[in-house]
């Protein structure tokens, strides 16, 4: 039996672009990806939740979903829901412009600050929209120049997205509905996956009762604290293993003192033992 949280969407390539329009209502439950994802919202009535942050989308909004972040969405059927979705290999992004923190710096910042929504200036919004249109066209170019052009456009797109908050400060990071106490807990959990993360310890840090903490955590994230922490530890372990960390030390770093328990939990989640794990996937269509 797998821990709570479903992996959706698989990616073999460096990146993959989808341009979709849906007329019907869409409800996609909590899930995560083993890659970074951008959603550029063009139109419709939609609500997006990443971890404990819920946003009502406006045309031109960008949603940043980092590797392993839990998220869900809902779109009404009264108006077509149109968006670009970009699946991005995290390792590929981090190796590009490494001296600037990698082209996935925007995802690292979003995960660190708990701010998944990027609300751009009119000029940047128009520029990004045009880059998506050009990238979509380039990906259909079957000439020998098509792949190089596609990667160049992707690089330009990611640089623009990474620079926007740096140049405009917090004004580019739109506010969202969130439980501040639980947001603090999520930040602490992410930074201390190898530490004691019992409900009692977390509740004490937040000056909350155990029962209040559990109730508010489940309301904000859709998960019981122990299920959320277990999944996050296993996702962290998968990143370590993908980077070449031995299974024994990966388990210890993500909070497992019993190696056999770690192997059992990891195999249940990913369908293979830690020693056999490699980044994998067969690309399928967008889930939202």
Protein backbone atom coordinates (compact mmCIF):
# COMPACT_ATOMS: atom_id res chain seq x y z
CA UNK A 1 0.00 0.00 0.00
CA UNK A 2 1.43 3.38 -0.99
CA UNK A 3 1.65 6.33 1.39
CA UNK A 4 -0.84 9.13 0.79
CA UNK A 5 -0.05 11.17 -2.30
CA UNK A 6 -0.06 10.04 -5.93
CA UNK A 7 2.63 10.70 -8.50
CA UNK A 8 1.12 11.89 -11.77
CA UNK A 9 2.75 12.64 -15.08
CA UNK A 10 6.08 11.13 -16.10
CA UNK A 11 8.88 12.78 -17.99
CA UNK A 12 11.74 11.22 -19.95
CA UNK A 13 12.68 14.34 -21.90
CA UNK A 14 14.37 17.53 -20.73
CA UNK A 15 11.06 19.35 -21.00
CA UNK A 16 7.59 18.93 -22.47
CA UNK A 17 4.98 21.56 -23.34
CA UNK A 18 1.20 21.16 -23.35
CA UNK A 19 -1.34 23.74 -24.54
CA UNK A 20 -4.80 22.70 -23.42
CA UNK A 21 -8.33 24.06 -23.35
CA UNK A 22 -11.07 22.35 -21.33
CA UNK A 23 -14.74 23.28 -21.29
CA UNK A 24 -15.86 20.88 -18.56
CA UNK A 25 -15.33 21.29 -14.83
CA UNK A 26 -12.03 19.82 -13.66
CA UNK A 27 -11.19 18.52 -10.21
CA UNK A 28 -7.70 17.09 -9.81
CA UNK A 29 -6.92 15.78 -6.34
CA UNK A 30 -3.68 16.00 -4.37
CA UNK A 31 -0.64 14.68 -6.22
CA UNK A 32 3.02 15.42 -6.90
CA UNK A 33 5.55 15.21 -9.75
CA UNK A 34 9.15 14.03 -9.95
CA UNK A 35 9.98 17.16 -11.97
CA UNK A 36 9.35 20.91 -11.86
CA UNK A 37 6.21 22.30 -13.47
CA UNK A 38 5.05 25.69 -14.76
CA UNK A 39 1.43 26.55 -15.41
CA UNK A 40 0.73 29.73 -17.40
CA UNK A 41 -2.96 30.57 -16.99
CA UNK A 42 -4.63 32.10 -20.05
CA UNK A 43 -8.31 32.14 -19.14
CA UNK A 44 -11.17 30.57 -17.19
CA UNK A 45 -12.21 30.25 -13.55
CA UNK A 46 -9.68 28.15 -11.66
CA UNK A 47 -8.34 27.61 -8.16
CA UNK A 48 -4.91 26.13 -7.52
CA UNK A 49 -3.48 24.86 -4.24
CA UNK A 50 0.24 24.14 -3.74
CA UNK A 51 1.04 22.67 -0.33
CA UNK A 52 -1.02 24.97 1.97
CA UNK A 53 -1.23 27.95 -0.43
CA UNK A 54 -4.49 28.47 -2.36
CA UNK A 55 -4.81 31.00 -5.18
CA UNK A 56 -7.64 32.18 -7.42
CA UNK A 57 -6.02 32.46 -10.83
CA UNK A 58 -6.17 35.48 -13.10
CA UNK A 59 -5.23 35.54 -16.81
CA UNK A 60 -1.44 35.82 -17.13
CA UNK A 61 -0.67 34.22 -13.76
CA UNK A 62 2.20 31.78 -13.46
CA UNK A 63 2.08 28.88 -11.00
CA UNK A 64 5.41 27.38 -9.94
CA UNK A 65 5.26 23.79 -8.67
CA UNK A 66 8.65 22.44 -7.56
CA UNK A 67 9.75 18.81 -7.60
CA UNK A 68 7.77 16.84 -5.02
CA UNK A 69 5.37 19.62 -4.00
CA UNK A 70 1.84 18.43 -3.32
CA UNK A 71 -0.84 20.28 -5.24
CA UNK A 72 -4.40 20.13 -6.57
CA UNK A 73 -6.70 22.26 -8.74
CA UNK A 74 -10.32 22.99 -9.58
CA UNK A 75 -11.73 24.70 -12.67
CA UNK A 76 -15.38 25.64 -13.28
CA UNK A 77 -17.17 24.70 -16.47
CA UNK A 78 -18.86 28.03 -17.17
CA UNK A 79 -15.91 29.32 -19.20
CA UNK A 80 -13.13 27.47 -21.06
CA UNK A 81 -10.09 26.79 -18.90
CA UNK A 82 -7.00 27.46 -21.06
CA UNK A 83 -3.36 27.15 -20.01
CA UNK A 84 0.15 26.21 -21.02
CA UNK A 85 1.73 23.48 -18.88
CA UNK A 86 5.47 22.98 -18.98
CA UNK A 87 7.07 19.87 -17.51
CA UNK A 88 10.77 20.51 -16.73
CA UNK A 89 13.52 18.10 -15.75
CA UNK A 90 14.96 19.47 -12.51
CA UNK A 91 18.47 18.19 -13.12
CA UNK A 92 18.61 19.75 -16.58
CA UNK A 93 17.44 23.14 -15.27
CA UNK A 94 19.88 23.18 -12.36
CA UNK A 95 22.83 22.59 -14.71
CA UNK A 96 21.95 25.61 -16.87
CA UNK A 97 23.26 29.02 -15.70
CA UNK A 98 24.66 27.26 -12.61
CA UNK A 99 26.62 30.38 -11.62
CA UNK A 100 23.27 32.16 -11.14
CA UNK A 101 21.77 29.31 -9.14
CA UNK A 102 20.44 27.37 -12.13
CA UNK A 103 17.37 27.96 -14.27
CA UNK A 104 15.31 26.30 -11.55
CA UNK A 105 16.14 29.06 -9.05
CA UNK A 106 12.55 30.30 -9.33
CA UNK A 107 11.27 26.92 -8.13
CA UNK A 108 13.74 26.81 -5.24
CA UNK A 109 12.65 30.30 -4.21
CA UNK A 110 8.95 29.41 -4.48
CA UNK A 111 9.42 26.30 -2.33
CA UNK A 112 11.57 28.15 0.23
CA UNK A 113 9.20 31.11 0.57
CA UNK A 114 5.92 29.21 0.17
CA UNK A 115 4.90 31.49 -2.71
CA UNK A 116 3.79 29.50 -5.74
CA UNK A 117 2.08 32.37 -7.60
CA UNK A 118 3.99 34.78 -9.81
CA UNK A 119 1.86 37.74 -10.91
CA UNK A 120 3.83 39.54 -13.60
CA UNK A 121 3.95 43.07 -14.98
CA UNK A 122 2.02 43.66 -18.20
CA UNK A 123 5.26 43.74 -20.20
CA UNK A 124 6.62 40.49 -18.71
CA UNK A 125 3.24 38.78 -19.05
CA UNK A 126 3.08 39.65 -22.75
CA UNK A 127 6.69 38.58 -23.29
CA UNK A 128 6.15 35.23 -21.58
CA UNK A 129 2.96 34.58 -23.54
CA UNK A 130 4.81 35.20 -26.79
CA UNK A 131 7.64 32.91 -25.70
CA UNK A 132 5.16 30.12 -25.02
CA UNK A 133 3.63 30.63 -28.48
CA UNK A 134 7.05 30.58 -30.13
CA UNK A 135 8.17 27.56 -28.11
CA UNK A 136 5.03 25.67 -29.10
CA UNK A 137 5.75 26.44 -32.76
CA UNK A 138 9.46 25.54 -32.46
CA UNK A 139 8.62 22.16 -30.95
CA UNK A 140 6.67 21.35 -34.12
CA UNK A 141 9.61 22.35 -36.33
CA UNK A 142 11.03 19.14 -37.77
CA UNK A 143 14.04 20.86 -39.33
CA UNK A 144 17.57 20.23 -37.97
CA UNK A 145 17.35 23.61 -36.20
CA UNK A 146 14.14 22.80 -34.31
CA UNK A 147 15.70 21.27 -31.14
CA UNK A 148 18.30 24.03 -30.78
CA UNK A 149 15.68 26.74 -31.25
CA UNK A 150 13.37 25.08 -28.70
CA UNK A 151 16.12 24.95 -26.07
CA UNK A 152 17.08 28.57 -26.75
CA UNK A 153 13.48 29.71 -26.28
CA UNK A 154 13.13 27.65 -23.11
CA UNK A 155 16.30 29.24 -21.73
CA UNK A 156 15.00 32.73 -22.51
CA UNK A 157 11.67 31.90 -20.89
CA UNK A 158 13.24 30.56 -17.69
CA UNK A 159 15.65 33.48 -17.38
CA UNK A 160 12.77 35.93 -17.64
CA UNK A 161 10.82 34.02 -14.97
CA UNK A 162 13.83 33.76 -12.65
CA UNK A 163 14.65 37.46 -13.01
CA UNK A 164 11.16 38.84 -12.49
CA UNK A 165 11.01 38.62 -8.65
CA UNK A 166 14.66 39.71 -8.38
CA UNK A 167 13.95 42.92 -10.32
CA UNK A 168 10.54 43.68 -8.88
CA UNK A 169 10.87 42.34 -5.35
CA UNK A 170 7.84 41.04 -3.47
CA UNK A 171 5.45 42.91 -5.77
CA UNK A 172 5.84 40.06 -8.28
CA UNK A 173 4.93 37.45 -5.68
CA UNK A 174 1.19 37.65 -5.22
CA UNK A 175 -0.46 36.94 -1.90
CA UNK A 176 -2.55 33.83 -1.45
CA UNK A 177 -4.83 32.29 1.14
CA UNK A 178 -2.78 30.28 3.64
CA UNK A 179 -2.66 29.22 7.27
CA UNK A 180 0.47 30.98 8.53
CA UNK A 181 1.04 28.54 11.39
CA UNK A 182 0.88 25.55 9.07
CA UNK A 183 3.06 27.37 6.54
CA UNK A 184 5.69 27.69 9.28
CA UNK A 185 5.37 23.97 9.98
CA UNK A 186 5.83 23.11 6.30
CA UNK A 187 8.97 25.24 6.08
CA UNK A 188 10.38 23.59 9.20
CA UNK A 189 9.55 20.08 7.96
CA UNK A 190 11.21 20.69 4.59
CA UNK A 191 14.38 21.98 6.27
CA UNK A 192 14.58 19.23 8.92
CA UNK A 193 13.52 15.99 7.23
CA UNK A 194 16.15 14.05 9.17
CA UNK A 195 15.06 15.39 12.57
CA UNK A 196 12.34 14.47 15.07
CA UNK A 197 9.12 15.53 13.37
CA UNK A 198 6.56 14.04 15.72
CA UNK A 199 3.21 15.79 16.06
CA UNK A 200 4.03 16.66 19.65
CA UNK A 201 7.35 18.26 18.68
CA UNK A 202 5.85 20.25 15.80
CA UNK A 203 2.82 21.38 17.81
CA UNK A 204 5.11 22.51 20.64
CA UNK A 205 7.22 24.60 18.24
CA UNK A 206 4.07 26.39 17.08
CA UNK A 207 2.61 26.78 20.61
CA UNK A 208 -0.41 24.73 19.60
CA UNK A 209 -2.12 21.73 21.09
CA UNK A 210 -1.53 18.41 19.32
CA UNK A 211 -5.19 18.08 18.32
CA UNK A 212 -5.42 21.66 16.98
CA UNK A 213 -2.21 21.20 15.01
CA UNK A 214 -3.40 17.94 13.46
CA UNK A 215 -6.79 19.41 12.54
CA UNK A 216 -5.38 22.58 10.97
CA UNK A 217 -2.63 20.67 9.15
CA UNK A 218 -5.15 18.32 7.55
CA UNK A 219 -7.45 21.22 6.65
CA UNK A 220 -4.61 23.16 4.99
CA UNK A 221 -2.82 20.36 3.16
CA UNK A 222 -5.31 17.52 2.82
CA UNK A 223 -2.91 15.20 4.67
CA UNK A 224 -2.40 13.96 8.19
CA UNK A 225 0.99 15.22 9.44
CA UNK A 226 2.58 11.75 9.62
CA UNK A 227 1.50 10.89 6.03
CA UNK A 228 2.80 14.21 4.70
CA UNK A 229 6.15 13.84 6.48
CA UNK A 230 6.60 10.24 5.32
CA UNK A 231 5.97 11.21 1.70
CA UNK A 232 8.31 14.22 1.90
CA UNK A 233 11.06 12.08 3.41
CA UNK A 234 10.74 9.52 0.63
CA UNK A 235 10.73 12.22 -2.05
CA UNK A 236 13.87 13.71 -0.51
CA UNK A 237 15.45 10.26 -0.52
CA UNK A 238 14.58 9.86 -4.22
CA UNK A 239 16.37 13.14 -4.99
CA UNK A 240 19.44 12.01 -3.04
CA UNK A 241 19.49 8.65 -4.81
CA UNK A 242 19.10 10.31 -8.20
CA UNK A 243 22.18 12.40 -7.33
CA UNK A 244 24.19 9.27 -6.57
CA UNK A 245 23.80 9.06 -2.79
CA UNK A 246 24.13 5.46 -1.45
CA UNK A 247 20.84 4.00 -0.24
CA UNK A 248 22.06 3.58 3.34
CA UNK A 249 23.04 7.24 3.79
CA UNK A 250 20.00 8.50 1.84
CA UNK A 251 17.73 6.71 4.31
CA UNK A 252 19.53 8.18 7.29
CA UNK A 253 19.47 11.70 5.87
CA UNK A 254 15.72 11.57 5.40
CA UNK A 255 15.03 10.42 8.96
CA UNK A 256 15.03 6.61 8.82
CA UNK A 257 17.19 4.94 11.48
CA UNK A 258 16.06 1.44 10.41
CA UNK A 259 17.36 0.68 6.90
CA UNK A 260 14.92 -2.19 6.33
CA UNK A 261 11.98 0.07 7.24
CA UNK A 262 13.30 2.68 4.81
CA UNK A 263 13.64 0.10 2.01
CA UNK A 264 10.11 -1.20 2.64
CA UNK A 265 8.56 2.31 2.64
CA UNK A 266 10.53 3.40 -0.43
CA UNK A 267 9.60 0.29 -2.41
CA UNK A 268 5.93 0.72 -1.50
CA UNK A 269 5.99 4.33 -2.74
CA UNK A 270 8.10 4.03 -5.91
CA UNK A 271 7.69 0.39 -6.92
CA UNK A 272 11.42 -0.42 -6.65
CA UNK A 273 14.07 -0.73 -3.98
CA UNK A 274 16.29 2.28 -3.16
CA UNK A 275 19.34 0.53 -4.63
CA UNK A 276 17.50 0.04 -7.94
CA UNK A 277 16.08 3.56 -8.12
CA UNK A 278 16.85 5.80 -11.06
CA UNK A 279 14.86 8.77 -12.43
CA UNK A 280 12.28 7.17 -14.68
CA UNK A 281 8.99 7.76 -16.47
CA UNK A 282 6.98 7.35 -19.60
CA UNK A 283 5.61 10.66 -20.74
CA UNK A 284 1.83 10.95 -20.56
CA UNK A 285 -0.57 13.81 -21.05
CA UNK A 286 -1.11 16.67 -18.59
CA UNK A 287 -3.10 15.95 -15.47
CA UNK A 288 -4.48 19.47 -15.14
